[in-house]
Protein backbone atom coordinates (compact mmCIF):
# COMPACT_ATOMS: atom_id res chain seq x y z
CA PRO A 1 4.83 7.28 10.88
CA ARG A 2 6.39 5.41 7.32
CA GLU A 3 5.33 2.08 9.19
CA PHE A 4 1.53 3.46 9.26
CA ASN A 5 1.89 4.79 5.57
CA VAL A 6 3.50 1.44 3.87
CA ARG A 7 0.78 -0.38 5.70
CA THR A 8 -2.36 1.64 4.93
CA GLY A 9 -1.00 3.47 1.88
CA ILE A 10 -2.67 6.37 3.60
CA VAL A 11 -0.13 9.72 3.60
CA ILE A 12 -1.35 12.65 5.67
CA GLY A 13 0.26 15.99 4.18
CA LEU A 14 0.49 19.53 3.94
CA PRO A 15 0.17 20.96 0.69
CA MET A 16 2.64 23.65 -0.64
CA THR A 17 2.40 26.69 -2.68
CA THR A 18 4.38 29.61 -4.44
CA ALA A 19 1.33 32.15 -4.10
CA ARG A 20 2.83 35.42 -2.64
CA TYR A 21 -0.75 36.20 -0.96
CA ASN A 22 0.38 33.63 1.56
CA GLU A 23 3.34 36.10 2.69
CA THR A 24 0.15 37.42 5.12
CA ASN A 25 -1.43 34.27 6.06
CA PRO A 26 -0.55 33.39 9.90
CA PHE A 27 -0.61 29.70 8.84
CA ALA A 28 1.66 29.54 5.96
CA ILE A 29 5.17 28.27 6.69
CA ARG A 30 7.53 30.35 4.55
CA PHE A 31 10.74 28.68 3.39
CA VAL A 32 13.02 29.27 0.59
CA GLY A 33 13.43 26.23 -1.65
CA PRO A 34 16.77 24.45 -3.09
CA LYS A 35 16.75 26.66 -6.17
CA GLY A 36 15.89 30.02 -3.91
CA ALA A 37 11.93 30.05 -4.86
CA VAL A 38 9.92 31.51 -1.77
CA SER A 39 7.31 28.81 -1.30
CA TYR A 40 4.82 28.10 1.58
CA ILE A 41 3.84 25.01 3.58
CA LEU A 42 -0.04 25.61 4.32
CA GLY A 43 -0.35 23.96 7.93
CA HIS A 44 -4.01 24.47 8.21
CA GLN A 45 -4.97 22.29 4.92
CA PRO A 46 -3.79 18.94 6.21
CA LYS A 47 -4.91 16.67 3.21
CA SER A 48 -4.83 12.86 3.38
CA PHE A 49 -4.58 10.35 0.09
CA ASP A 50 -3.78 7.09 -1.10
CA TRP A 51 -0.35 7.09 -2.18
CA ARG A 52 -0.66 4.07 -4.06
CA ALA A 53 -4.03 4.68 -5.84
CA HIS A 54 -2.57 7.94 -6.94
CA ALA A 55 1.04 6.39 -7.79
CA ALA A 56 2.56 9.08 -5.53
CA LYS A 57 6.37 9.87 -5.77
CA PRO A 58 8.57 11.62 -3.33
CA HIS A 59 8.54 15.41 -3.65
CA PRO A 60 11.83 16.06 -5.97
CA TRP A 61 13.05 18.09 -3.09
CA LYS A 62 12.82 15.17 -0.79
CA GLN A 63 12.40 17.15 2.46
CA VAL A 64 12.33 20.45 3.96
CA THR A 65 14.66 21.59 6.62
CA GLU A 66 13.97 20.40 10.26
CA GLU A 67 13.40 23.51 11.32
CA THR A 68 10.52 24.09 8.34
CA PHE A 69 9.21 20.76 9.48
CA GLY A 70 9.03 21.49 13.07
CA LEU A 71 7.35 24.84 12.19
CA ALA A 72 4.98 22.98 9.99
CA CYS A 73 4.42 20.26 12.99
CA GLU A 74 3.51 23.42 15.51
CA THR A 75 1.27 25.01 12.93
CA LEU A 76 -0.84 21.79 12.47
CA ASN A 77 -0.74 20.94 16.11
CA GLN A 78 -2.50 24.41 16.78
CA ILE A 79 -5.55 23.19 14.81
CA ILE A 80 -5.81 19.17 15.73
CA LEU A 81 -3.89 19.63 19.26
CA ILE A 82 -1.68 15.93 18.37
CA GLY A 83 0.95 17.25 21.04
CA SER A 84 -0.84 17.71 24.20
């Protein structure tokens, strides 16, 4: 949650890519970005980093759709079972 991220500076995120070979990856969530580019969220590769130390900024797209976000959370949950 935002409060945790602000307090600790730590973000847990999922990488995004446009690599087409992810079309057959069962853990890749396919979506179309705002400019029509097919992209994939890699739901099986959670990463954590200190956004302050990296001077990270929000992605220019800001966020994916609620549906895509939900699918990414479901995929991640298959691995780490946060929803059980």
